[in-house]
PDB file of N, CA and C in Angstrom:
ATOM      1  N   MET A   1      -5.913  -9.323   3.819  1.00  0.00           N
ATOM      2  CA  MET A   1      -5.675 -10.624   3.240  1.00  0.00           C
ATOM      3  C   MET A   1      -4.885 -10.481   1.949  1.00  0.00           C
ATOM      4  N   ALA A   2      -4.253 -11.543   1.581  1.00  0.00           N
ATOM      5  CA  ALA A   2      -3.390 -11.539   0.398  1.00  0.00           C
ATOM      6  C   ALA A   2      -4.173 -11.865  -0.870  1.00  0.00           C
ATOM      7  N   SER A   3      -3.640 -11.415  -1.977  1.00  0.00           N
ATOM      8  CA  SER A   3      -4.196 -11.714  -3.294  1.00  0.00           C
ATOM      9  C   SER A   3      -3.467 -12.921  -3.878  1.00  0.00           C
ATOM     10  N   GLN A   4      -4.206 -13.761  -4.595  1.00  0.00           N
ATOM     11  CA  GLN A   4      -3.628 -14.970  -5.182  1.00  0.00           C
ATOM     12  C   GLN A   4      -3.223 -14.729  -6.622  1.00  0.00           C
ATOM     13  N   ILE A   5      -1.965 -14.968  -6.932  1.00  0.00           N
ATOM     14  CA  ILE A   5      -1.488 -14.922  -8.309  1.00  0.00           C
ATOM     15  C   ILE A   5      -1.806 -16.264  -8.948  1.00  0.00           C
ATOM     16  N   LYS A   6      -2.526 -16.221 -10.081  1.00  0.00           N
ATOM     17  CA  LYS A   6      -2.968 -17.443 -10.743  1.00  0.00           C
ATOM     18  C   LYS A   6      -2.356 -17.646 -12.118  1.00  0.00           C
ATOM     19  N   CYS A   7      -1.755 -16.586 -12.690  1.00  0.00           N
ATOM     20  CA  CYS A   7      -1.156 -16.720 -14.016  1.00  0.00           C
ATOM     21  C   CYS A   7      -0.028 -15.706 -14.172  1.00  0.00           C
ATOM     22  N   ILE A   8       0.842 -15.972 -15.131  1.00  0.00           N
ATOM     23  CA  ILE A   8       1.976 -15.079 -15.400  1.00  0.00           C
ATOM     24  C   ILE A   8       2.079 -14.812 -16.897  1.00  0.00           C
ATOM     25  N   THR A   9       2.756 -13.721 -17.235  1.00  0.00           N
ATOM     26  CA  THR A   9       3.059 -13.414 -18.633  1.00  0.00           C
ATOM     27  C   THR A   9       4.560 -13.205 -18.753  1.00  0.00           C
ATOM     28  N   LYS A  10       5.144 -13.849 -19.749  1.00  0.00           N
ATOM     29  CA  LYS A  10       6.555 -13.676 -20.089  1.00  0.00           C
ATOM     30  C   LYS A  10       6.636 -13.417 -21.587  1.00  0.00           C
ATOM     31  N   PRO A  11       7.683 -12.710 -22.059  1.00  0.00           N
ATOM     32  CA  PRO A  11       7.814 -12.485 -23.507  1.00  0.00           C
ATOM     33  C   PRO A  11       7.797 -13.783 -24.301  1.00  0.00           C
ATOM     34  N   ASN A  12       8.469 -14.801 -23.795  1.00  0.00           N
ATOM     35  CA  ASN A  12       8.467 -16.131 -24.409  1.00  0.00           C
ATOM     36  C   ASN A  12       8.128 -17.111 -23.296  1.00  0.00           C
ATOM     37  N   ALA A  13       6.940 -17.633 -23.315  1.00  0.00           N
ATOM     38  CA  ALA A  13       6.445 -18.476 -22.230  1.00  0.00           C
ATOM     39  C   ALA A  13       7.321 -19.699 -21.952  1.00  0.00           C
ATOM     40  N   HIS A  14       8.083 -20.148 -22.940  1.00  0.00           N
ATOM     41  CA  HIS A  14       8.875 -21.366 -22.775  1.00  0.00           C
ATOM     42  C   HIS A  14      10.338 -21.089 -22.420  1.00  0.00           C
ATOM     43  N   SER A  15      10.714 -19.835 -22.326  1.00  0.00           N
ATOM     44  CA  SER A  15      12.094 -19.483 -22.006  1.00  0.00           C
ATOM     45  C   SER A  15      12.296 -19.416 -20.497  1.00  0.00           C
ATOM     46  N   SER A  16      13.303 -20.109 -20.022  1.00  0.00           N
ATOM     47  CA  SER A  16      13.614 -20.055 -18.588  1.00  0.00           C
ATOM     48  C   SER A  16      14.528 -18.882 -18.264  1.00  0.00           C
ATOM     49  N   HIS A  17      14.946 -18.125 -19.272  1.00  0.00           N
ATOM     50  CA  HIS A  17      15.878 -17.021 -19.063  1.00  0.00           C
ATOM     51  C   HIS A  17      15.220 -15.648 -19.108  1.00  0.00           C
ATOM     52  N   GLU A  18      13.953 -15.596 -19.471  1.00  0.00           N
ATOM     53  CA  GLU A  18      13.252 -14.314 -19.531  1.00  0.00           C
ATOM     54  C   GLU A  18      12.419 -14.121 -18.277  1.00  0.00           C
ATOM     55  N   ALA A  19      12.358 -12.888 -17.813  1.00  0.00           N
ATOM     56  CA  ALA A  19      11.644 -12.572 -16.583  1.00  0.00           C
ATOM     57  C   ALA A  19      10.145 -12.446 -16.828  1.00  0.00           C
ATOM     58  N   ILE A  20       9.389 -12.674 -15.788  1.00  0.00           N
ATOM     59  CA  ILE A  20       7.952 -12.435 -15.796  1.00  0.00           C
ATOM     60  C   ILE A  20       7.728 -10.942 -16.018  1.00  0.00           C
ATOM     61  N   THR A  21       6.777 -10.593 -16.871  1.00  0.00           N
ATOM     62  CA  THR A  21       6.460  -9.180 -17.106  1.00  0.00           C
ATOM     63  C   THR A  21       5.176  -8.760 -16.407  1.00  0.00           C
ATOM     64  N   HIS A  22       4.202  -9.675 -16.309  1.00  0.00           N
ATOM     65  CA  HIS A  22       2.913  -9.376 -15.695  1.00  0.00           C
ATOM     66  C   HIS A  22       2.426 -10.587 -14.889  1.00  0.00           C
ATOM     67  N   VAL A  23       1.556 -10.316 -13.917  1.00  0.00           N
ATOM     68  CA  VAL A  23       0.897 -11.379 -13.164  1.00  0.00           C
ATOM     69  C   VAL A  23      -0.591 -11.064 -13.084  1.00  0.00           C
ATOM     70  N   GLY A  24      -1.383 -12.097 -12.974  1.00  0.00           N
ATOM     71  CA  GLY A  24      -2.826 -11.916 -12.857  1.00  0.00           C
ATOM     72  C   GLY A  24      -3.386 -12.856 -11.821  1.00  0.00           C
ATOM     73  N   GLY A  25      -4.554 -12.511 -11.314  1.00  0.00           N
ATOM     74  CA  GLY A  25      -5.169 -13.380 -10.318  1.00  0.00           C
ATOM     75  C   GLY A  25      -6.368 -12.764  -9.654  1.00  0.00           C
ATOM     76  N   ALA A  26      -6.628 -13.208  -8.440  1.00  0.00           N
ATOM     77  CA  ALA A  26      -7.814 -12.803  -7.698  1.00  0.00           C
ATOM     78  C   ALA A  26      -7.435 -12.023  -6.449  1.00  0.00           C
ATOM     79  N   ARG A  27      -8.100 -10.902  -6.246  1.00  0.00           N
ATOM     80  CA  ARG A  27      -7.932 -10.098  -5.033  1.00  0.00           C
ATOM     81  C   ARG A  27      -8.721 -10.745  -3.895  1.00  0.00           C
ATOM     82  N   SER A  28      -8.326 -10.435  -2.686  1.00  0.00           N
ATOM     83  CA  SER A  28      -9.005 -10.992  -1.520  1.00  0.00           C
ATOM     84  C   SER A  28     -10.462 -10.529  -1.442  1.00  0.00           C
ATOM     85  N   ASN A  29     -10.781  -9.389  -2.069  1.00  0.00           N
ATOM     86  CA  ASN A  29     -12.156  -8.873  -2.050  1.00  0.00           C
ATOM     87  C   ASN A  29     -13.020  -9.467  -3.160  1.00  0.00           C
ATOM     88  N   GLY A  30     -12.465 -10.396  -3.939  1.00  0.00           N
ATOM     89  CA  GLY A  30     -13.216 -11.044  -5.003  1.00  0.00           C
ATOM     90  C   GLY A  30     -12.974 -10.470  -6.385  1.00  0.00           C
ATOM     91  N   GLY A  31     -12.305  -9.331  -6.471  1.00  0.00           N
ATOM     92  CA  GLY A  31     -11.987  -8.742  -7.767  1.00  0.00           C
ATOM     93  C   GLY A  31     -10.806  -9.435  -8.422  1.00  0.00           C
ATOM     94  N   TYR A  32     -10.546  -9.038  -9.639  1.00  0.00           N
ATOM     95  CA  TYR A  32      -9.422  -9.614 -10.380  1.00  0.00           C
ATOM     96  C   TYR A  32      -8.401  -8.536 -10.699  1.00  0.00           C
ATOM     97  N   PHE A  33      -7.162  -8.963 -10.963  1.00  0.00           N
ATOM     98  CA  PHE A  33      -6.103  -8.020 -11.322  1.00  0.00           C
ATOM     99  C   PHE A  33      -5.226  -8.604 -12.411  1.00  0.00           C
ATOM    100  N   TYR A  34      -4.597  -7.733 -13.150  1.00  0.00           N
ATOM    101  CA  TYR A  34      -3.550  -8.065 -14.120  1.00  0.00           C
ATOM    102  C   TYR A  34      -2.618  -6.869 -14.092  1.00  0.00           C
ATOM    103  N   ILE A  35      -1.460  -7.041 -13.452  1.00  0.00           N
ATOM    104  CA  ILE A  35      -0.542  -5.930 -13.210  1.00  0.00           C
ATOM    105  C   ILE A  35       0.869  -6.308 -13.650  1.00  0.00           C
ATOM    106  N   THR A  36       1.714  -5.296 -13.773  1.00  0.00           N
ATOM    107  CA  THR A  36       3.109  -5.561 -14.139  1.00  0.00           C
ATOM    108  C   THR A  36       3.855  -6.159 -12.951  1.00  0.00           C
ATOM    109  N   ARG A  37       4.950  -6.804 -13.266  1.00  0.00           N
ATOM    110  CA  ARG A  37       5.820  -7.348 -12.231  1.00  0.00           C
ATOM    111  C   ARG A  37       6.285  -6.233 -11.307  1.00  0.00           C
ATOM    112  N   THR A  38       6.610  -5.076 -11.872  1.00  0.00           N
ATOM    113  CA  THR A  38       7.080  -3.944 -11.074  1.00  0.00           C
ATOM    114  C   THR A  38       5.997  -3.462 -10.115  1.00  0.00           C
ATOM    115  N   GLU A  39       4.744  -3.380 -10.589  1.00  0.00           N
ATOM    116  CA  GLU A  39       3.640  -2.988  -9.708  1.00  0.00           C
ATOM    117  C   GLU A  39       3.488  -3.980  -8.552  1.00  0.00           C
ATOM    118  N   CYS A  40       3.582  -5.260  -8.870  1.00  0.00           N
ATOM    119  CA  CYS A  40       3.476  -6.301  -7.849  1.00  0.00           C
ATOM    120  C   CYS A  40       4.606  -6.159  -6.824  1.00  0.00           C
ATOM    121  N   ALA A  41       5.834  -5.985  -7.305  1.00  0.00           N
ATOM    122  CA  ALA A  41       6.981  -5.821  -6.406  1.00  0.00           C
ATOM    123  C   ALA A  41       6.817  -4.578  -5.529  1.00  0.00           C
ATOM    124  N   ASN A  42       6.345  -3.498  -6.114  1.00  0.00           N
ATOM    125  CA  ASN A  42       6.134  -2.271  -5.337  1.00  0.00           C
ATOM    126  C   ASN A  42       5.056  -2.454  -4.281  1.00  0.00           C
ATOM    127  N   ASP A  43       3.976  -3.155  -4.617  1.00  0.00           N
ATOM    128  CA  ASP A  43       2.939  -3.455  -3.631  1.00  0.00           C
ATOM    129  C   ASP A  43       3.529  -4.189  -2.439  1.00  0.00           C
ATOM    130  N   ILE A  44       4.362  -5.175  -2.713  1.00  0.00           N
ATOM    131  CA  ILE A  44       4.971  -5.985  -1.657  1.00  0.00           C
ATOM    132  C   ILE A  44       5.944  -5.140  -0.838  1.00  0.00           C
ATOM    133  N   ARG A  45       6.798  -4.376  -1.509  1.00  0.00           N
ATOM    134  CA  ARG A  45       7.812  -3.572  -0.817  1.00  0.00           C
ATOM    135  C   ARG A  45       7.204  -2.507   0.085  1.00  0.00           C
ATOM    136  N   THR A  46       6.076  -1.939  -0.330  1.00  0.00           N
ATOM    137  CA  THR A  46       5.449  -0.859   0.442  1.00  0.00           C
ATOM    138  C   THR A  46       4.343  -1.378   1.370  1.00  0.00           C
ATOM    139  N   ASN A  47       4.184  -2.682   1.443  1.00  0.00           N
ATOM    140  CA  ASN A  47       3.148  -3.316   2.272  1.00  0.00           C
ATOM    141  C   ASN A  47       1.738  -2.884   1.881  1.00  0.00           C
ATOM    142  N   ARG A  48       1.559  -2.467   0.646  1.00  0.00           N
ATOM    143  CA  ARG A  48       0.232  -2.089   0.141  1.00  0.00           C
ATOM    144  C   ARG A  48      -0.619  -3.340  -0.095  1.00  0.00           C
ATOM    145  N   GLU A  49       0.036  -4.408  -0.515  1.00  0.00           N
ATOM    146  CA  GLU A  49      -0.672  -5.662  -0.818  1.00  0.00           C
ATOM    147  C   GLU A  49       0.329  -6.797  -0.671  1.00  0.00           C
ATOM    148  N   SER A  50      -0.147  -7.974  -0.301  1.00  0.00           N
ATOM    149  CA  SER A  50       0.700  -9.164  -0.293  1.00  0.00           C
ATOM    150  C   SER A  50       0.099 -10.154  -1.290  1.00  0.00           C
ATOM    151  N   TYR A  51       0.938 -11.054  -1.763  1.00  0.00           N
ATOM    152  CA  TYR A  51       0.541 -12.008  -2.796  1.00  0.00           C
ATOM    153  C   TYR A  51       1.002 -13.396  -2.413  1.00  0.00           C
ATOM    154  N   PHE A  52       0.287 -14.397  -2.930  1.00  0.00           N
ATOM    155  CA  PHE A  52       0.681 -15.781  -2.712  1.00  0.00           C
ATOM    156  C   PHE A  52       0.340 -16.607  -3.945  1.00  0.00           C
ATOM    157  N   VAL A  53       0.918 -17.805  -3.995  1.00  0.00           N
ATOM    158  CA  VAL A  53       0.635 -18.796  -5.026  1.00  0.00           C
ATOM    159  C   VAL A  53       0.133 -20.038  -4.302  1.00  0.00           C
ATOM    160  N   GLN A  54      -0.911 -20.645  -4.821  1.00  0.00           N
ATOM    161  CA  GLN A  54      -1.438 -21.884  -4.246  1.00  0.00           C
ATOM    162  C   GLN A  54      -0.666 -23.058  -4.826  1.00  0.00           C
ATOM    163  N   VAL A  55      -0.054 -23.867  -3.961  1.00  0.00           N
ATOM    164  CA  VAL A  55       0.710 -25.040  -4.379  1.00  0.00           C
ATOM    165  C   VAL A  55       0.130 -26.239  -3.639  1.00  0.00           C
ATOM    166  N   GLY A  56      -0.708 -26.979  -4.325  1.00  0.00           N
ATOM    167  CA  GLY A  56      -1.420 -28.066  -3.646  1.00  0.00           C
ATOM    168  C   GLY A  56      -2.310 -27.465  -2.570  1.00  0.00           C
ATOM    169  N   ASN A  57      -2.125 -27.916  -1.334  1.00  0.00           N
ATOM    170  CA  ASN A  57      -2.888 -27.370  -0.210  1.00  0.00           C
ATOM    171  C   ASN A  57      -2.181 -26.216   0.475  1.00  0.00           C
ATOM    172  N   ASP A  58      -0.992 -25.880   0.015  1.00  0.00           N
ATOM    173  CA  ASP A  58      -0.181 -24.849   0.672  1.00  0.00           C
ATOM    174  C   ASP A  58      -0.251 -23.522  -0.049  1.00  0.00           C
ATOM    175  N   LYS A  59      -0.216 -22.446   0.727  1.00  0.00           N
ATOM    176  CA  LYS A  59      -0.091 -21.096   0.184  1.00  0.00           C
ATOM    177  C   LYS A  59       1.368 -20.684   0.348  1.00  0.00           C
ATOM    178  N   VAL A  60       2.005 -20.315  -0.757  1.00  0.00           N
ATOM    179  CA  VAL A  60       3.409 -19.910  -0.734  1.00  0.00           C
ATOM    180  C   VAL A  60       3.467 -18.416  -1.022  1.00  0.00           C
ATOM    181  N   ASP A  61       4.066 -17.649  -0.108  1.00  0.00           N
ATOM    182  CA  ASP A  61       4.137 -16.200  -0.254  1.00  0.00           C
ATOM    183  C   ASP A  61       5.053 -15.792  -1.398  1.00  0.00           C
ATOM    184  N   VAL A  62       4.702 -14.684  -2.025  1.00  0.00           N
ATOM    185  CA  VAL A  62       5.523 -14.081  -3.069  1.00  0.00           C
ATOM    186  C   VAL A  62       6.306 -12.937  -2.429  1.00  0.00           C
ATOM    187  N   ILE A  63       7.593 -12.856  -2.758  1.00  0.00           N
ATOM    188  CA  ILE A  63       8.455 -11.808  -2.216  1.00  0.00           C
ATOM    189  C   ILE A  63       9.062 -10.993  -3.364  1.00  0.00           C
ATOM    190  N   ALA A  64       9.494  -9.793  -3.038  1.00  0.00           N
ATOM    191  CA  ALA A  64      10.151  -8.914  -4.012  1.00  0.00           C
ATOM    192  C   ALA A  64      11.641  -8.880  -3.700  1.00  0.00           C
ATOM    193  N   TYR A  65      12.448  -8.826  -4.741  1.00  0.00           N
ATOM    194  CA  TYR A  65      13.894  -8.696  -4.550  1.00  0.00           C
ATOM    195  C   TYR A  65      14.461  -7.840  -5.676  1.00  0.00           C
ATOM    196  N   GLU A  66      15.578  -7.206  -5.378  1.00  0.00           N
ATOM    197  CA  GLU A  66      16.212  -6.295  -6.336  1.00  0.00           C
ATOM    198  C   GLU A  66      17.500  -6.906  -6.853  1.00  0.00           C
ATOM    199  N   LYS A  67      17.709  -6.772  -8.153  1.00  0.00           N
ATOM    200  CA  LYS A  67      18.940  -7.272  -8.775  1.00  0.00           C
ATOM    201  C   LYS A  67      19.328  -6.295  -9.871  1.00  0.00           C
ATOM    202  N   GLY A  68      20.479  -5.686  -9.734  1.00  0.00           N
ATOM    203  CA  GLY A  68      20.964  -4.757 -10.741  1.00  0.00           C
ATOM    204  C   GLY A  68      20.075  -3.539 -10.925  1.00  0.00           C
ATOM    205  N   GLY A  69      19.420  -3.110  -9.853  1.00  0.00           N
ATOM    206  CA  GLY A  69      18.557  -1.940  -9.921  1.00  0.00           C
ATOM    207  C   GLY A  69      17.157  -2.215 -10.445  1.00  0.00           C
ATOM    208  N   VAL A  70      16.829  -3.493 -10.712  1.00  0.00           N
ATOM    209  CA  VAL A  70      15.507  -3.874 -11.217  1.00  0.00           C
ATOM    210  C   VAL A  70      14.831  -4.753 -10.164  1.00  0.00           C
ATOM    211  N   TRP A  71      13.543  -4.522  -9.943  1.00  0.00           N
ATOM    212  CA  TRP A  71      12.788  -5.309  -8.971  1.00  0.00           C
ATOM    213  C   TRP A  71      12.094  -6.483  -9.649  1.00  0.00           C
ATOM    214  N   TYR A  72      12.227  -7.641  -9.008  1.00  0.00           N
ATOM    215  CA  TYR A  72      11.642  -8.893  -9.481  1.00  0.00           C
ATOM    216  C   TYR A  72      10.792  -9.498  -8.375  1.00  0.00           C
ATOM    217  N   ILE A  73      10.058 -10.542  -8.702  1.00  0.00           N
ATOM    218  CA  ILE A  73       9.277 -11.278  -7.714  1.00  0.00           C
ATOM    219  C   ILE A  73       9.591 -12.760  -7.832  1.00  0.00           C
ATOM    220  N   LYS A  74       9.439 -13.454  -6.714  1.00  0.00           N
ATOM    221  CA  LYS A  74       9.594 -14.904  -6.685  1.00  0.00           C
ATOM    222  C   LYS A  74       8.871 -15.410  -5.447  1.00  0.00           C
ATOM    223  N   THR A  75       8.695 -16.715  -5.366  1.00  0.00           N
ATOM    224  CA  THR A  75       8.069 -17.278  -4.179  1.00  0.00           C
ATOM    225  C   THR A  75       9.120 -17.565  -3.125  1.00  0.00           C
ATOM    226  N   LYS A  76       8.681 -17.540  -1.878  1.00  0.00           N
ATOM    227  CA  LYS A  76       9.576 -17.921  -0.784  1.00  0.00           C
ATOM    228  C   LYS A  76       9.958 -19.382  -0.983  1.00  0.00           C
ATOM    229  N   PRO A  77      11.136 -19.757  -0.545  1.00  0.00           N
ATOM    230  CA  PRO A  77      11.536 -21.161  -0.674  1.00  0.00           C
ATOM    231  C   PRO A  77      10.555 -22.085   0.053  1.00  0.00           C
ATOM    232  N   ASP A  78      10.243 -23.198  -0.580  1.00  0.00           N
ATOM    233  CA  ASP A  78       9.404 -24.214   0.049  1.00  0.00           C
ATOM    234  C   ASP A  78       9.999 -25.581  -0.268  1.00  0.00           C
ATOM    235  N   SER A  79       9.182 -26.608  -0.280  1.00  0.00           N
ATOM    236  CA  SER A  79       9.698 -27.965  -0.477  1.00  0.00           C
ATOM    237  C   SER A  79      10.170 -28.238  -1.902  1.00  0.00           C
ATOM    238  N   THR A  80       9.818 -27.355  -2.868  1.00  0.00           N
ATOM    239  CA  THR A  80      10.304 -27.547  -4.229  1.00  0.00           C
ATOM    240  C   THR A  80      11.525 -26.662  -4.458  1.00  0.00           C
ATOM    241  N   LEU A  81      12.357 -27.044  -5.379  1.00  0.00           N
ATOM    242  CA  LEU A  81      13.527 -26.249  -5.709  1.00  0.00           C
ATOM    243  C   LEU A  81      13.206 -25.192  -6.754  1.00  0.00           C
ATOM    244  N   ARG A  82      12.060 -25.315  -7.388  1.00  0.00           N
ATOM    245  CA  ARG A  82      11.670 -24.431  -8.475  1.00  0.00           C
ATOM    246  C   ARG A  82      10.821 -23.274  -7.949  1.00  0.00           C
ATOM    247  N   ASP A  83      10.901 -22.124  -8.610  1.00  0.00           N
ATOM    248  CA  ASP A  83      10.048 -20.996  -8.258  1.00  0.00           C
ATOM    249  C   ASP A  83       8.629 -21.332  -8.684  1.00  0.00           C
ATOM    250  N   ASN A  84       7.713 -21.354  -7.729  1.00  0.00           N
ATOM    251  CA  ASN A  84       6.334 -21.750  -8.013  1.00  0.00           C
ATOM    252  C   ASN A  84       5.627 -20.808  -8.983  1.00  0.00           C
ATOM    253  N   LEU A  85       6.059 -19.559  -9.095  1.00  0.00           N
ATOM    254  CA  LEU A  85       5.455 -18.644 -10.059  1.00  0.00           C
ATOM    255  C   LEU A  85       5.624 -19.160 -11.487  1.00  0.00           C
ATOM    256  N   LEU A  86       6.764 -19.751 -11.761  1.00  0.00           N
ATOM    257  CA  LEU A  86       7.048 -20.229 -13.122  1.00  0.00           C
ATOM    258  C   LEU A  86       6.231 -21.462 -13.494  1.00  0.00           C
ATOM    259  N   SER A  87       5.579 -22.076 -12.514  1.00  0.00           N
ATOM    260  CA  SER A  87       4.726 -23.225 -12.781  1.00  0.00           C
ATOM    261  C   SER A  87       3.304 -22.829 -13.145  1.00  0.00           C
ATOM    262  N   LEU A  88       2.988 -21.540 -13.014  1.00  0.00           N
ATOM    263  CA  LEU A  88       1.639 -21.075 -13.289  1.00  0.00           C
ATOM    264  C   LEU A  88       1.385 -20.979 -14.799  1.00  0.00           C
ATOM    265  N   PRO A  89       0.125 -21.091 -15.201  1.00  0.00           N
ATOM    266  CA  PRO A  89      -0.192 -20.984 -16.636  1.00  0.00           C
ATOM    267  C   PRO A  89      -0.044 -19.538 -17.119  1.00  0.00           C
ATOM    268  N   PRO A  90       0.063 -19.360 -18.425  1.00  0.00           N
ATOM    269  CA  PRO A  90       0.124 -17.996 -18.957  1.00  0.00           C
ATOM    270  C   PRO A  90      -1.220 -17.287 -18.822  1.00  0.00           C
ATOM    271  N   CYS A  91      -1.158 -15.974 -18.666  1.00  0.00           N
ATOM    272  CA  CYS A  91      -2.385 -15.166 -18.576  1.00  0.00           C
ATOM    273  C   CYS A  91      -2.956 -14.966 -19.975  1.00  0.00           C
TER     274      CYS A  91
END
């Protein structure tokens, strides 16, 4: 089962130009996590763990992508134009 990301950390929480540095949330086994964006991306890329964000009644999967040699995370496209990760509260 997938782990739910419930919060994010950015250097400046109000900046739309800075990347997420850490994510936190609940593991499927009931435990909690707070990991770096890179750890999260590596989990996804190696199929070690999958992640999702709860948006209303919907679960939106988190995916990893590479840009300029750096790995980032974002949610799969859904009915909103915005990345659902950026709507989460700060950790």
